[in-house]
Amino acid sequence: QGAEVQTDYVPLLNSLAMYGWQLTCVLPTPIVKTNREGNLSTKQIVFLQRPSLPQKAKKKESKVNSL
């Protein structure tokens, strides 16, 4: 009670979104630290994924077919 949670994933997500990455899950860890002001911080595990892209035909395959 009386706790305020602050999380800001927006800069991370914006920087990775341009490469196709998407946030899928955030897991809190049992690691809790206190700083000099008495604020608590936790570490979290962030899972990202990006859809698989169809692969282009390899040049080697076209060379084998031309022989």
Protein backbone atom coordinates (compact mmCIF):
# COMPACT_ATOMS: atom_id res chain seq x y z
CA GLN A 1 0.00 0.00 0.00
CA GLY A 2 1.19 3.46 -0.79
CA ALA A 3 3.58 2.07 -3.42
CA GLU A 4 3.88 3.57 -6.87
CA VAL A 5 5.06 1.36 -9.70
CA GLN A 6 7.04 2.99 -12.48
CA THR A 7 7.96 1.12 -15.61
CA ASP A 8 8.90 2.56 -18.96
CA TYR A 9 9.37 0.05 -21.76
CA VAL A 10 8.40 2.56 -24.47
CA PRO A 11 11.97 3.57 -25.49
CA LEU A 12 13.06 -0.08 -25.64
CA LEU A 13 10.01 -1.18 -27.59
CA ASN A 14 10.23 1.75 -30.03
CA SER A 15 13.89 1.07 -30.77
CA LEU A 16 13.29 -2.65 -31.40
CA ALA A 17 9.96 -2.26 -33.24
CA MET A 18 11.73 -0.88 -36.30
CA TYR A 19 13.42 -4.30 -36.66
CA GLY A 20 10.15 -6.23 -36.24
CA TRP A 21 10.54 -7.20 -32.56
CA GLN A 22 7.42 -7.39 -30.39
CA LEU A 23 7.07 -7.68 -26.61
CA THR A 24 5.53 -11.03 -25.69
CA CYS A 25 6.00 -11.36 -21.94
CA VAL A 26 7.54 -9.70 -18.89
CA LEU A 27 8.48 -11.88 -15.91
CA PRO A 28 9.37 -10.33 -12.56
CA THR A 29 12.32 -11.87 -10.73
CA PRO A 30 12.74 -12.30 -6.98
CA ILE A 31 15.65 -9.81 -7.10
CA VAL A 32 14.74 -6.70 -5.11
CA LYS A 33 17.17 -3.88 -4.32
CA THR A 34 16.80 -0.77 -2.18
CA ASN A 35 18.62 2.47 -3.00
CA ARG A 36 19.75 5.19 -0.58
CA GLU A 37 16.38 6.97 -0.75
CA GLY A 38 14.58 3.79 0.27
CA ASN A 39 13.11 3.13 -3.17
CA LEU A 40 12.78 -0.49 -4.22
CA SER A 41 13.76 -1.73 -7.65
CA THR A 42 13.28 -5.13 -9.21
CA LYS A 43 14.80 -6.86 -12.18
CA GLN A 44 12.54 -8.26 -14.86
CA ILE A 45 13.05 -10.68 -17.70
CA VAL A 46 11.66 -9.36 -20.98
CA PHE A 47 10.74 -11.75 -23.80
CA LEU A 48 10.62 -10.44 -27.35
CA GLN A 49 9.88 -12.17 -30.62
CA ARG A 50 9.64 -11.26 -34.25
CA PRO A 51 7.69 -13.05 -36.92
CA SER A 52 9.70 -15.25 -39.23
CA LEU A 53 10.11 -13.84 -42.70
CA PRO A 54 9.91 -16.00 -45.82
CA GLN A 55 13.42 -16.72 -47.04
CA LYS A 56 14.37 -15.81 -50.56
CA ALA A 57 15.55 -18.58 -52.88
CA LYS A 58 19.26 -19.09 -52.50
CA LYS A 59 21.57 -18.36 -55.41
CA LYS A 60 23.19 -21.80 -55.07
CA GLU A 61 19.88 -23.52 -55.87
CA SER A 62 19.52 -21.55 -59.10
CA LYS A 63 23.11 -22.43 -60.12
CA VAL A 64 22.48 -26.16 -59.54
CA ASN A 65 19.33 -26.04 -61.67
CA SER A 66 21.16 -24.36 -64.55
CA LEU A 67 23.82 -27.13 -64.76
